Amino acid sequence: MNLDGLTMSVLAKELNERLQTGQIQKLYQIDKTTLLFKIRALNEDQSLVITVGATPAMYLSKPLQDLPKEPSSLCMFLRKHIEGSRIVKVEQINGDRIMCIQTDKLEMDGSITSTFIYVELMGKYSNCIFVQDGVILESLIHVSPLMNRERSISPKLHYELPPNANRVSLMDFDYNEIKNLLTSFGDGTVQQSIRAIFNGFGKPLLDEVLLTSDLSGNEIISDLISTQVDALAKALYELKIKLNESNGLLTLINDNNKKAHATFILQNYKVLKEYSTISEALEESIHNTKSIHTADKELEKILTAAIKKEEGRHQKIKDELDDTNKMDTYKLYGDILMINAHLQVQYEPSIQLQNLLSEEGELLTIPLKPNLTIVENGQWYYKLYTKLKNRMVSGEYQLNASTTKLEYLKSILYSISLATTRESLEEIRKECMDAGIIKKSKKPLSYKLGKSNYIHLTINEGEIFIGRNNQQNEYLTHRFAKPTDIWFHTQDIQGSHLILRLNVEPDDMILSKVAQYAAYFSKARETSKVPVDYTYIKNIKKPPGSPLGFVIFSTHQTMIVEPKKPGYRTKSVCD
């Protein structure tokens, strides 16, 4: 999600309100282009993410799990200078896509060391640069003269703002000042003048200003009459007021299906989605693009690759099985050739013979190996038949095994989306080790299987237990559940095992409600109609040699429901 400079002014306000006077308690380097700041501010723990990779962004996130256990050399260096610092302010620089976090650290001798963290969110030139006394201390990305002739970024160099950062911010001026800037410095068309004077104008906001001022943007600014200049200045000032008064972010769409992101409703657009904060929108975008490579994202990457590999193998087996359709034809060719063994034919590419094994007695054109006799060709076709027959038997077995493996890998991949604790991720990693997906670690695990990590809901009619991954599903279904408990799972869709333990007799209302929860805790969460199977635990069996979480049942019922998030508080770790 790319935000223009003006929209980022609202983000700067949002971050400053949440982080000002906060203390940086811990710094992590998640990947090569991403930093995480643990900050204590407003009596709350805040997580500030700065990423300058494929999807540059700066936002407050929910607590991230499975952070790197070993700090990088860059991380260790920055911790020395940054940890323990107080955040003085978070501000935007000149209305551009540049944020600056000013921090002060009290040294042992009583002096204050100020560090300025410049976050430049400018596409492929994005960077996070730490500056003291105008000199670069460190940066996430070092930029040599060969990489950028206009500007080098490296420790001990003086920090300079990017080119064009000397333009001004609309947010710094009142109506009269904006009007004077337009008349004094405007050059070329109206559109060109606005972009040349002010930083931060993306197309949606520029179009909004032009629409409000009743201009096309192609007018020569020096040709405008005074009322037109007044209207343009007023439109720009009103935009500033709206930005100052707004918060959160809207995803908008117009009649041409063009999307836009803004902090208020634009003319000719309707609201597609609303976010209470810009951070919320950015966090969702980063999550969807998977551009931050935390340890769980790395595990997700490995599983995705394993699924792709198995899908290729699966297709190959299917293609080989399709070849077995020729099996009966090869048998027929062999039989017909042996019936005609007396014929003296050689060095011919094919032969036409009557099908004496068919009532119609149609003519068959049988391809031959020219160097072989009729009998030898017949024997060759028998060998092909036998080979395909054997392949069919083994191929069907391999196809079933591949189908099971694919479903299993997909179920592990899905379980990562439900992992909200380090323990849950460790369970998934242990499962991947046991399955041979990743290399086994000699380090002991720091959790007890299924004892505390599953979701536990309380309802008026009883209790619900929900597995977050295959290990928890296995534990709940085959070890924890009682024969009279009711088991729920989405039909042919990856999802959690739900165990319903009632203190009353089950009725359709209770069953429907729990089935909705089962649909919610599945890959079909965003679907409107989801089939959910349910049956008593006593009907559930585990196939011999099957992967974790696999079951079979002798009898069941199915209910079509709409997914619904539970509205109950949990006793343990559901959030």
Protein backbone atom coordinates (compact mmCIF):
# COMPACT_ATOMS: atom_id res chain seq x y z
CA MET A 1 0.00 0.00 0.00
CA ASN A 2 1.65 3.21 -1.22
CA LEU A 3 0.63 6.39 0.61
CA ASP A 4 1.30 9.88 -0.72
CA GLY A 5 3.06 12.49 1.39
CA LEU A 6 -0.13 14.29 2.43
CA THR A 7 -1.74 11.11 3.70
CA MET A 8 1.48 10.37 5.54
CA SER A 9 1.04 13.65 7.42
CA VAL A 10 -1.94 12.01 9.13
CA LEU A 11 0.19 8.93 9.83
CA ALA A 12 2.85 11.18 11.40
CA LYS A 13 0.21 12.69 13.69
CA GLU A 14 -1.07 9.19 14.57
CA LEU A 15 2.42 7.90 15.45
CA ASN A 16 3.38 11.02 17.37
CA GLU A 17 0.26 10.84 19.54
CA ARG A 18 0.94 7.18 20.37
CA LEU A 19 4.73 7.27 20.77
CA GLN A 20 5.76 10.72 22.05
CA THR A 21 7.59 10.46 25.42
CA GLY A 22 7.71 6.66 25.02
CA GLN A 23 10.86 4.71 25.82
CA ILE A 24 12.52 2.38 23.31
CA GLN A 25 12.98 -0.80 25.35
CA LYS A 26 14.10 -3.27 22.69
CA LEU A 27 15.16 -3.30 19.06
CA TYR A 28 14.97 -6.29 16.71
CA GLN A 29 16.05 -6.76 13.12
CA ILE A 30 13.38 -9.06 11.67
CA ASP A 31 14.99 -9.36 8.24
CA LYS A 32 17.50 -7.46 6.08
CA THR A 33 15.12 -4.56 5.49
CA THR A 34 12.89 -4.54 8.59
CA LEU A 35 13.30 -3.26 12.15
CA LEU A 36 10.96 -3.70 15.10
CA PHE A 37 11.01 -1.23 18.00
CA LYS A 38 9.46 -2.34 21.31
CA ILE A 39 8.29 0.91 22.93
CA ARG A 40 6.65 1.60 26.28
CA ALA A 41 4.36 4.60 25.79
CA LEU A 42 1.11 5.79 27.41
CA ASN A 43 1.40 2.90 29.89
CA GLU A 44 1.15 0.42 27.02
CA ASP A 45 3.57 -1.75 25.07
CA GLN A 46 3.78 -0.58 21.46
CA SER A 47 5.38 -2.37 18.49
CA LEU A 48 6.69 -0.02 15.80
CA VAL A 49 7.62 -1.69 12.51
CA ILE A 50 9.83 0.03 9.94
CA THR A 51 10.32 -1.88 6.70
CA VAL A 52 12.03 -0.58 3.56
CA GLY A 53 11.87 -3.72 1.41
CA ALA A 54 9.37 -4.67 -1.28
CA THR A 55 6.52 -2.89 0.53
CA PRO A 56 8.00 0.13 2.37
CA ALA A 57 5.98 1.12 5.43
CA MET A 58 6.08 2.44 8.98
CA TYR A 59 3.29 1.46 11.35
CA LEU A 60 2.23 0.26 14.79
CA SER A 61 1.55 -3.46 14.73
CA LYS A 62 0.10 -6.16 16.90
CA PRO A 63 2.79 -8.04 18.86
CA LEU A 64 4.85 -10.12 16.42
CA GLN A 65 5.63 -13.72 17.34
CA ASP A 66 8.74 -15.76 16.80
CA LEU A 67 11.19 -12.87 16.66
CA PRO A 68 14.85 -13.64 15.86
CA LYS A 69 16.57 -15.19 18.85
CA GLU A 70 20.04 -14.05 17.78
CA PRO A 71 20.55 -10.34 16.98
CA SER A 72 22.41 -9.35 13.82
CA SER A 73 25.60 -7.27 14.08
CA LEU A 74 23.63 -4.21 12.89
CA CYS A 75 20.97 -4.86 15.52
CA MET A 76 23.57 -5.14 18.30
CA PHE A 77 25.19 -1.88 17.19
CA LEU A 78 21.88 -0.01 17.08
CA ARG A 79 20.77 -1.40 20.44
CA LYS A 80 23.84 0.19 22.02
CA HIS A 81 22.82 3.63 20.76
CA ILE A 82 19.03 3.45 20.78
CA GLU A 83 17.74 1.23 23.59
CA GLY A 84 16.70 3.24 26.63
CA SER A 85 16.11 6.39 24.55
CA ARG A 86 13.01 8.54 24.94
CA ILE A 87 11.04 9.54 21.86
CA VAL A 88 10.88 13.33 21.70
CA LYS A 89 8.61 13.49 18.65
CA VAL A 90 7.65 11.83 15.39
CA GLU A 91 7.28 14.25 12.49
CA GLN A 92 7.08 14.41 8.74
CA ILE A 93 9.80 16.25 6.82
CA ASN A 94 8.57 18.96 4.40
CA GLY A 95 5.38 17.07 3.58
CA ASP A 96 7.42 14.42 1.79
CA ARG A 97 7.39 10.64 2.28
CA ILE A 98 10.04 11.06 4.97
CA MET A 99 9.42 10.52 8.68
CA CYS A 100 11.81 11.52 11.43
CA ILE A 101 11.85 10.05 14.93
CA GLN A 102 13.84 12.20 17.35
CA THR A 103 15.15 10.31 20.38
CA ASP A 104 17.09 11.47 23.43
CA LYS A 105 19.24 9.20 25.57
CA LEU A 106 20.57 10.07 29.02
CA GLU A 107 24.21 9.04 29.17
CA MET A 108 26.14 7.92 32.27
CA ASP A 109 27.84 11.32 32.58
CA GLY A 110 24.49 13.13 32.63
CA SER A 111 24.66 14.38 29.04
CA ILE A 112 21.91 13.86 26.44
CA THR A 113 22.63 12.19 23.10
CA SER A 114 20.07 12.91 20.39
CA THR A 115 19.57 10.45 17.57
CA PHE A 116 17.39 11.23 14.56
CA ILE A 117 15.92 8.23 12.78
CA TYR A 118 15.02 9.20 9.20
CA VAL A 119 12.55 6.79 7.59
CA GLU A 120 12.47 7.42 3.84
CA LEU A 121 9.53 5.58 2.28
CA MET A 122 10.28 6.32 -1.37
CA GLY A 123 9.82 3.15 -3.40
CA LYS A 124 13.05 1.43 -4.36
CA TYR A 125 15.04 4.22 -2.70
CA SER A 126 13.48 3.56 0.72
CA ASN A 127 15.80 3.46 3.71
CA CYS A 128 16.03 3.86 7.47
CA ILE A 129 18.95 6.07 8.50
CA PHE A 130 20.26 6.81 12.02
CA VAL A 131 21.86 10.24 12.37
CA GLN A 132 23.76 11.94 15.22
CA ASP A 133 25.00 15.54 14.95
CA GLY A 134 24.19 15.54 11.24
CA VAL A 135 26.43 12.51 10.60
CA ILE A 136 25.13 9.07 9.57
CA LEU A 137 25.61 6.57 12.37
CA GLU A 138 24.19 3.57 10.45
CA SER A 139 21.48 2.65 7.97
CA LEU A 140 19.53 -0.39 6.96
CA ILE A 141 20.80 -0.06 3.40
CA HIS A 142 24.20 1.36 2.44
CA VAL A 143 24.14 3.29 -0.83
CA SER A 144 27.39 3.70 -2.75
CA PRO A 145 28.06 6.25 -5.54
CA LEU A 146 27.75 3.41 -8.03
CA MET A 147 24.22 2.70 -6.78
CA ASN A 148 23.13 6.34 -6.70
CA ARG A 149 25.18 9.15 -8.23
CA GLU A 150 23.14 11.87 -6.52
CA ARG A 151 23.40 10.67 -2.93
CA SER A 152 25.55 8.21 -0.95
CA ILE A 153 24.45 6.73 2.37
CA SER A 154 27.08 5.20 4.60
CA PRO A 155 28.38 5.61 8.18
CA LYS A 156 30.41 8.77 8.89
CA LEU A 157 28.96 10.64 5.88
CA HIS A 158 26.92 13.82 6.41
CA TYR A 159 23.21 13.15 6.08
CA GLU A 160 21.43 14.94 3.25
CA LEU A 161 17.75 14.86 2.45
CA PRO A 162 16.76 13.20 -0.84
CA PRO A 163 16.45 15.38 -3.97
CA ASN A 164 13.22 17.44 -4.17
CA ALA A 165 12.80 17.30 -0.41
CA ASN A 166 13.29 21.09 -0.42
CA ARG A 167 9.73 21.59 -1.61
CA VAL A 168 7.33 22.78 1.08
CA SER A 169 4.47 21.14 2.90
CA LEU A 170 0.92 22.31 2.33
CA MET A 171 0.28 21.66 6.04
CA ASP A 172 2.56 24.59 7.05
CA PHE A 173 0.59 27.41 5.39
CA ASP A 174 -2.68 29.30 5.79
CA TYR A 175 -5.00 30.42 2.99
CA ASN A 176 -3.24 33.72 2.21
CA GLU A 177 0.21 32.10 2.23
CA ILE A 178 -0.98 29.34 -0.12
CA LYS A 179 -2.38 31.99 -2.48
CA ASN A 180 0.90 33.93 -2.43
CA LEU A 181 2.89 30.76 -3.17
CA LEU A 182 0.70 30.03 -6.19
CA THR A 183 1.03 33.52 -7.64
CA SER A 184 4.75 33.93 -6.83
CA PHE A 185 6.11 30.51 -7.71
CA GLY A 186 3.50 28.96 -10.00
CA ASP A 187 4.90 28.06 -13.41
CA GLY A 188 3.40 26.12 -16.29
CA THR A 189 0.04 24.41 -15.84
CA VAL A 190 -1.99 24.41 -12.63
CA GLN A 191 -1.18 20.76 -12.10
CA GLN A 192 2.56 21.28 -12.66
CA SER A 193 2.58 24.28 -10.33
CA ILE A 194 0.96 22.43 -7.44
CA ARG A 195 3.40 19.54 -7.74
CA ALA A 196 6.40 21.90 -8.08
CA ILE A 197 5.53 23.96 -5.00
CA PHE A 198 4.11 21.36 -2.59
CA ASN A 199 5.37 17.96 -1.61
CA GLY A 200 3.16 14.93 -1.16
CA PHE A 201 0.47 15.18 -3.83
CA GLY A 202 -0.68 11.82 -5.13
CA LYS A 203 -3.14 11.74 -8.04
CA PRO A 204 -6.35 11.14 -6.00
CA LEU A 205 -5.78 14.19 -3.77
CA LEU A 206 -4.66 16.34 -6.70
CA ASP A 207 -7.82 15.37 -8.60
CA GLU A 208 -9.86 16.25 -5.50
CA VAL A 209 -8.35 19.76 -5.38
CA LEU A 210 -8.95 20.31 -9.10
CA LEU A 211 -12.53 19.08 -8.84
CA THR A 212 -13.25 21.31 -5.85
CA SER A 213 -11.77 24.38 -7.60
CA ASP A 214 -13.57 23.58 -10.88
CA LEU A 215 -10.32 23.37 -12.85
CA SER A 216 -8.99 20.71 -15.23
CA GLY A 217 -5.37 21.18 -14.17
CA ASN A 218 -4.21 21.89 -17.72
CA GLU A 219 -4.82 25.64 -17.47
CA ILE A 220 -1.70 27.88 -17.50
CA ILE A 221 -1.54 29.22 -13.97
CA SER A 222 -0.47 32.72 -15.07
CA ASP A 223 -3.61 32.91 -17.24
CA LEU A 224 -5.98 32.31 -14.32
CA ILE A 225 -8.25 35.17 -13.31
CA SER A 226 -8.31 36.24 -9.66
CA THR A 227 -11.48 34.28 -8.81
CA GLN A 228 -9.92 31.10 -10.19
CA VAL A 229 -6.76 31.65 -8.12
CA ASP A 230 -8.96 32.23 -5.06
CA ALA A 231 -10.88 29.02 -5.73
CA LEU A 232 -7.65 27.01 -6.14
CA ALA A 233 -6.12 28.43 -2.96
CA LYS A 234 -9.36 27.79 -1.08
CA ALA A 235 -9.48 24.16 -2.33
CA LEU A 236 -5.89 23.61 -1.20
CA TYR A 237 -6.57 25.16 2.21
CA GLU A 238 -9.73 23.07 2.67
CA LEU A 239 -7.69 19.96 1.86
CA LYS A 240 -5.25 20.92 4.61
CA ILE A 241 -8.13 21.35 7.10
CA LYS A 242 -9.62 17.97 6.19
CA LEU A 243 -6.23 16.28 6.66
CA ASN A 244 -5.71 17.99 10.01
CA GLU A 245 -9.11 16.87 11.26
CA SER A 246 -9.00 13.32 9.91
CA ASN A 247 -7.70 10.06 11.26
CA GLY A 248 -7.73 6.46 10.14
CA LEU A 249 -7.80 5.46 6.49
CA LEU A 250 -10.40 4.67 3.85
CA THR A 251 -10.05 2.40 0.86
CA LEU A 252 -12.12 4.06 -1.84
CA ILE A 253 -13.32 3.05 -5.30
CA ASN A 254 -14.88 5.05 -8.17
CA ASP A 255 -17.19 4.08 -11.00
CA ASN A 256 -14.19 3.04 -13.13
CA ASN A 257 -13.12 0.54 -10.43
CA LYS A 258 -10.05 2.62 -9.62
CA LYS A 259 -8.98 2.34 -5.99
CA ALA A 260 -7.63 5.12 -3.81
CA HIS A 261 -6.52 5.49 -0.21
CA ALA A 262 -7.40 8.63 1.70
CA THR A 263 -8.19 9.81 5.21
CA PHE A 264 -11.56 11.25 4.14
CA ILE A 265 -14.15 10.53 1.45
CA LEU A 266 -13.22 11.89 -1.98
CA GLN A 267 -15.75 13.17 -4.47
CA ASN A 268 -16.90 10.57 -7.02
CA TYR A 269 -15.63 7.76 -4.77
CA LYS A 270 -17.43 5.40 -2.42
CA VAL A 271 -16.02 3.65 0.64
CA LEU A 272 -14.85 0.10 0.07
CA LYS A 273 -13.24 -0.47 3.48
CA GLU A 274 -12.63 1.61 6.60
CA TYR A 275 -9.70 1.39 9.02
CA SER A 276 -9.66 3.06 12.43
CA THR A 277 -5.93 3.83 12.06
CA ILE A 278 -3.51 4.05 9.16
CA SER A 279 -1.31 1.55 11.01
CA GLU A 280 -4.12 -1.00 10.86
CA ALA A 281 -4.36 -0.62 7.07
CA LEU A 282 -0.58 -0.83 6.57
CA GLU A 283 -0.29 -3.87 8.83
CA GLU A 284 -2.97 -5.68 6.81
CA SER A 285 -1.24 -4.77 3.55
CA ILE A 286 2.13 -6.04 4.81
CA HIS A 287 0.52 -9.25 6.05
CA ASN A 288 -1.24 -9.85 2.72
CA THR A 289 1.89 -9.23 0.66
CA LYS A 290 4.01 -11.34 3.05
CA SER A 291 6.83 -8.88 2.55
CA ILE A 292 8.26 -9.16 6.09
CA HIS A 293 10.19 -12.38 6.62
CA THR A 294 9.75 -13.30 10.27
CA ALA A 295 10.60 -16.85 11.27
CA ASP A 296 6.98 -17.91 10.76
CA LYS A 297 7.02 -16.31 7.30
CA GLU A 298 10.16 -18.32 6.53
CA LEU A 299 8.34 -21.47 7.64
CA GLU A 300 5.41 -20.42 5.47
CA LYS A 301 7.80 -19.99 2.53
CA ILE A 302 9.24 -23.51 3.06
CA LEU A 303 5.76 -25.04 3.24
CA THR A 304 4.60 -23.20 0.12
CA ALA A 305 7.63 -24.55 -1.76
CA ALA A 306 6.92 -28.09 -0.46
CA ILE A 307 3.29 -27.82 -1.62
CA LYS A 308 4.37 -26.61 -5.06
CA LYS A 309 6.82 -29.50 -5.36
CA GLU A 310 4.22 -32.07 -4.31
CA GLU A 311 1.67 -30.57 -6.72
CA GLY A 312 4.18 -31.13 -9.54
CA ARG A 313 4.70 -34.74 -8.44
CA HIS A 314 0.92 -35.18 -8.14
CA GLN A 315 0.38 -33.97 -11.70
CA LYS A 316 3.15 -36.23 -13.02
CA ILE A 317 1.51 -39.27 -11.42
CA LYS A 318 -1.84 -38.27 -12.94
CA ASP A 319 -0.27 -37.87 -16.38
CA GLU A 320 1.32 -41.32 -16.07
CA LEU A 321 -2.01 -42.80 -15.06
CA ASP A 322 -3.62 -41.20 -18.10
CA ASP A 323 -1.16 -43.19 -20.22
CA THR A 324 -2.63 -46.38 -18.78
CA ASN A 325 -5.72 -45.70 -20.87
CA LYS A 326 -3.71 -47.18 -23.74
CA MET A 327 -3.25 -50.43 -21.78
CA ASP A 328 -6.25 -52.27 -23.31
CA THR A 329 -5.28 -51.07 -26.78
CA TYR A 330 -1.76 -52.56 -26.39
CA LYS A 331 -3.28 -55.87 -25.22
CA LEU A 332 -5.57 -55.94 -28.27
CA TYR A 333 -2.67 -55.18 -30.64
CA GLY A 334 -0.64 -58.02 -29.12
CA ASP A 335 -3.55 -60.48 -29.45
CA ILE A 336 -4.29 -59.55 -33.07
CA LEU A 337 -0.60 -59.80 -34.04
CA MET A 338 -0.27 -63.24 -32.41
CA ILE A 339 -3.39 -64.46 -34.23
CA ASN A 340 -1.64 -63.39 -37.44
CA ALA A 341 1.76 -64.83 -36.45
CA HIS A 342 1.98 -66.71 -39.73
CA LEU A 343 2.30 -63.52 -41.72
CA GLN A 344 5.77 -62.75 -42.99
CA VAL A 345 5.97 -59.01 -42.54
CA GLN A 346 9.11 -57.07 -41.71
CA TYR A 347 10.56 -53.64 -42.30
CA GLU A 348 7.06 -52.15 -42.45
CA PRO A 349 6.04 -49.20 -40.23
CA SER A 350 2.48 -50.53 -39.75
CA ILE A 351 0.04 -53.23 -40.78
CA GLN A 352 -3.71 -53.33 -41.37
CA LEU A 353 -5.46 -56.34 -39.85
CA GLN A 354 -9.04 -57.30 -39.18
CA ASN A 355 -10.09 -57.25 -35.55
CA LEU A 356 -11.20 -60.87 -35.17
CA LEU A 357 -11.94 -60.29 -31.46
CA SER A 358 -14.71 -57.80 -32.25
CA GLU A 359 -18.16 -58.56 -33.62
CA GLU A 360 -17.82 -55.70 -36.09
CA GLY A 361 -14.52 -57.08 -37.39
CA GLU A 362 -13.24 -53.58 -38.16
CA LEU A 363 -9.81 -52.98 -39.72
CA LEU A 364 -7.06 -51.91 -37.33
CA THR A 365 -3.93 -50.02 -38.31
CA ILE A 366 -1.27 -51.34 -35.91
CA PRO A 367 2.08 -49.46 -35.68
CA LEU A 368 5.09 -51.81 -35.91
CA LYS A 369 8.76 -51.76 -35.06
CA PRO A 370 10.13 -52.30 -38.60
CA ASN A 371 13.11 -54.35 -37.43
CA LEU A 372 10.91 -56.88 -35.60
CA THR A 373 8.77 -59.78 -36.85
CA ILE A 374 5.02 -60.00 -36.32
CA VAL A 375 5.51 -62.24 -33.28
CA GLU A 376 8.21 -60.02 -31.82
CA ASN A 377 5.97 -56.98 -32.28
CA GLY A 378 3.15 -58.85 -30.53
CA GLN A 379 5.46 -59.68 -27.61
CA TRP A 380 6.59 -56.06 -27.48
CA TYR A 381 2.93 -54.91 -27.13
CA TYR A 382 2.38 -57.49 -24.35
CA LYS A 383 5.35 -56.02 -22.48
CA LEU A 384 3.89 -52.50 -22.83
CA TYR A 385 0.55 -53.80 -21.55
CA THR A 386 2.14 -55.47 -18.51
CA LYS A 387 4.21 -52.35 -17.76
CA LEU A 388 1.15 -50.09 -17.83
CA LYS A 389 -0.89 -52.56 -15.78
CA ASN A 390 1.74 -52.56 -13.05
CA ARG A 391 2.02 -48.78 -13.28
CA MET A 392 -1.73 -48.41 -12.82
CA VAL A 393 -1.70 -50.38 -9.58
CA SER A 394 1.29 -48.52 -8.13
CA GLY A 395 0.19 -45.20 -9.66
CA GLU A 396 -3.21 -45.25 -7.97
CA TYR A 397 -1.49 -45.98 -4.66
CA GLN A 398 1.01 -43.16 -5.26
CA LEU A 399 -1.77 -40.77 -6.31
CA ASN A 400 -3.75 -41.45 -3.13
CA ALA A 401 -0.61 -41.01 -1.04
CA SER A 402 0.21 -37.75 -2.86
CA THR A 403 -3.34 -36.46 -2.35
CA THR A 404 -3.08 -37.17 1.38
CA LYS A 405 0.32 -35.49 1.57
CA LEU A 406 -0.94 -32.40 -0.25
CA GLU A 407 -3.88 -32.06 2.11
CA TYR A 408 -1.56 -32.53 5.06
CA LEU A 409 0.93 -29.88 3.87
CA LYS A 410 -1.92 -27.44 3.23
CA SER A 411 -3.29 -28.07 6.70
CA ILE A 412 0.09 -27.19 8.24
CA LEU A 413 0.29 -24.04 6.11
CA TYR A 414 -3.19 -23.01 7.23
CA SER A 415 -2.32 -23.60 10.90
CA ILE A 416 0.38 -20.87 10.70
CA SER A 417 -2.40 -18.28 10.24
CA LEU A 418 -3.88 -19.36 13.60
CA ALA A 419 -0.59 -19.29 15.50
CA THR A 420 -0.64 -16.35 17.90
CA THR A 421 1.98 -17.57 20.36
CA ARG A 422 5.59 -18.70 20.17
CA GLU A 423 4.48 -22.06 21.60
CA SER A 424 2.00 -22.60 18.76
CA LEU A 425 4.70 -21.86 16.19
CA GLU A 426 7.08 -24.21 17.93
CA GLU A 427 4.46 -26.94 17.69
CA ILE A 428 4.14 -26.36 13.96
CA ARG A 429 7.92 -26.31 13.53
CA LYS A 430 8.20 -29.59 15.49
CA GLU A 431 5.53 -31.13 13.25
CA CYS A 432 7.49 -30.01 10.15
CA MET A 433 10.63 -31.59 11.59
CA ASP A 434 8.84 -34.88 12.28
CA ALA A 435 7.40 -34.85 8.76
CA GLY A 436 10.84 -34.28 7.22
CA ILE A 437 9.88 -30.88 5.80
CA ILE A 438 12.63 -29.05 7.68
CA LYS A 439 15.83 -30.24 9.29
CA LYS A 440 15.50 -31.51 12.85
CA SER A 441 16.89 -29.38 15.64
CA LYS A 442 18.76 -30.84 18.60
CA LYS A 443 17.39 -28.14 20.94
CA PRO A 444 14.58 -29.32 23.25
CA LEU A 445 11.15 -27.75 22.82
CA SER A 446 9.89 -25.35 25.45
CA TYR A 447 6.23 -26.37 25.49
CA LYS A 448 3.95 -29.21 26.52
CA LEU A 449 1.97 -30.70 23.67
CA GLY A 450 -1.59 -29.48 23.54
CA LYS A 451 -1.78 -28.70 27.24
CA SER A 452 -2.32 -24.95 27.08
CA ASN A 453 -2.12 -23.66 23.56
CA TYR A 454 -5.48 -24.69 22.14
CA ILE A 455 -8.42 -22.26 22.21
CA HIS A 456 -10.88 -22.76 25.06
CA LEU A 457 -14.29 -21.05 24.86
CA THR A 458 -17.01 -21.10 27.50
CA ILE A 459 -20.66 -20.85 26.51
CA ASN A 460 -23.86 -21.12 28.57
CA GLU A 461 -24.44 -24.65 27.32
CA GLY A 462 -20.92 -25.93 28.00
CA GLU A 463 -17.41 -25.58 26.56
CA ILE A 464 -15.73 -25.52 23.15
CA PHE A 465 -12.13 -26.56 22.47
CA ILE A 466 -10.46 -25.51 19.21
CA GLY A 467 -7.12 -26.71 17.85
CA ARG A 468 -4.76 -24.17 16.32
CA ASN A 469 -2.68 -26.78 14.46
CA ASN A 470 -2.47 -30.50 13.68
CA GLN A 471 -0.73 -31.39 16.94
CA GLN A 472 -3.45 -29.70 18.96
CA ASN A 473 -6.15 -31.22 16.72
CA GLU A 474 -4.63 -34.66 17.30
CA TYR A 475 -4.49 -34.15 21.06
CA LEU A 476 -8.02 -32.76 21.38
CA THR A 477 -9.73 -35.35 19.16
CA HIS A 478 -7.88 -38.53 20.10
CA ARG A 479 -6.68 -37.96 23.67
CA PHE A 480 -8.65 -35.18 25.32
CA ALA A 481 -12.22 -35.55 24.03
CA LYS A 482 -14.80 -37.80 25.68
CA PRO A 483 -16.93 -40.25 23.63
CA THR A 484 -20.03 -38.09 24.24
CA ASP A 485 -18.36 -34.88 23.02
CA ILE A 486 -19.34 -33.65 19.55
CA TRP A 487 -16.65 -33.15 16.88
CA PHE A 488 -16.92 -30.44 14.17
CA HIS A 489 -14.84 -29.84 11.03
CA THR A 490 -15.34 -28.15 7.66
CA GLN A 491 -16.04 -30.62 4.87
CA ASP A 492 -13.04 -31.11 2.54
CA ILE A 493 -11.57 -27.75 3.66
CA GLN A 494 -8.51 -27.14 5.86
CA GLY A 495 -9.57 -26.07 9.31
CA SER A 496 -9.50 -26.65 13.04
CA HIS A 497 -11.00 -29.55 14.96
CA LEU A 498 -13.74 -28.22 17.27
CA ILE A 499 -14.82 -30.24 20.30
CA LEU A 500 -18.17 -29.36 21.88
CA ARG A 501 -18.68 -30.51 25.46
CA LEU A 502 -22.27 -29.87 26.60
CA ASN A 503 -23.96 -29.73 29.98
CA VAL A 504 -27.38 -29.87 28.25
CA GLU A 505 -28.96 -31.92 25.49
CA PRO A 506 -27.82 -30.71 22.04
CA ASP A 507 -30.30 -28.86 19.87
CA ASP A 508 -30.16 -27.36 16.37
CA MET A 509 -29.47 -23.85 17.68
CA ILE A 510 -26.36 -24.92 19.63
CA LEU A 511 -25.10 -27.16 16.82
CA SER A 512 -25.59 -24.41 14.23
CA LYS A 513 -23.74 -21.87 16.38
CA VAL A 514 -20.73 -24.16 16.89
CA ALA A 515 -20.74 -25.12 13.19
CA GLN A 516 -20.42 -21.40 12.41
CA TYR A 517 -17.37 -21.23 14.65
CA ALA A 518 -15.89 -24.26 12.87
CA ALA A 519 -16.40 -22.47 9.55
CA TYR A 520 -14.71 -19.36 10.95
CA PHE A 521 -11.67 -21.35 12.09
CA SER A 522 -11.11 -22.71 8.58
CA LYS A 523 -9.71 -21.66 5.24
CA ALA A 524 -13.29 -20.87 4.16
CA ARG A 525 -13.56 -18.00 6.66
CA GLU A 526 -14.37 -15.44 3.94
CA THR A 527 -16.98 -17.67 2.24
CA SER A 528 -20.71 -17.20 2.82
CA LYS A 529 -21.85 -20.85 2.73
CA VAL A 530 -19.58 -23.50 4.26
CA PRO A 531 -20.40 -27.23 4.74
CA VAL A 532 -19.48 -28.43 8.24
CA ASP A 533 -19.47 -32.09 9.28
CA TYR A 534 -20.24 -33.05 12.88
CA THR A 535 -20.50 -36.33 14.81
CA TYR A 536 -19.91 -37.79 18.25
CA ILE A 537 -16.30 -38.49 19.19
CA LYS A 538 -17.15 -42.18 19.61
CA ASN A 539 -17.63 -42.32 15.81
CA ILE A 540 -14.16 -40.85 15.09
CA LYS A 541 -11.22 -43.11 14.26
CA LYS A 542 -7.66 -42.43 13.16
CA PRO A 543 -6.51 -44.28 10.01
CA PRO A 544 -3.37 -46.38 10.67
CA GLY A 545 -0.23 -44.56 9.57
CA SER A 546 -2.10 -41.37 8.71
CA PRO A 547 -0.60 -37.90 9.36
CA LEU A 548 -1.42 -35.78 12.40
CA GLY A 549 -4.98 -34.48 12.48
CA PHE A 550 -6.42 -37.01 9.98
CA VAL A 551 -9.62 -38.82 10.93
CA ILE A 552 -12.32 -41.06 9.50
CA PHE A 553 -15.86 -41.46 10.80
CA SER A 554 -18.55 -44.05 10.37
CA THR A 555 -21.52 -41.71 10.56
CA HIS A 556 -21.98 -37.95 10.52
CA GLN A 557 -24.28 -35.07 9.66
CA THR A 558 -23.55 -31.98 7.59
CA MET A 559 -24.75 -28.41 8.08
CA ILE A 560 -24.35 -25.46 5.67
CA VAL A 561 -23.51 -22.32 7.67
CA GLU A 562 -22.05 -18.84 7.39
CA PRO A 563 -18.74 -18.39 9.27
CA LYS A 564 -19.03 -16.45 12.51
CA LYS A 565 -16.34 -15.30 14.92
CA PRO A 566 -17.01 -16.38 18.51
CA GLY A 567 -18.27 -13.56 20.66
CA TYR A 568 -17.26 -15.16 23.94
CA ARG A 569 -14.26 -14.50 26.11
CA THR A 570 -11.84 -17.35 26.44
CA LYS A 571 -10.35 -18.93 29.51
CA SER A 572 -6.88 -19.20 28.05
CA VAL A 573 -5.23 -18.00 24.87
CA CYS A 574 -7.89 -17.15 22.27
CA ASP A 575 -7.85 -13.59 21.08
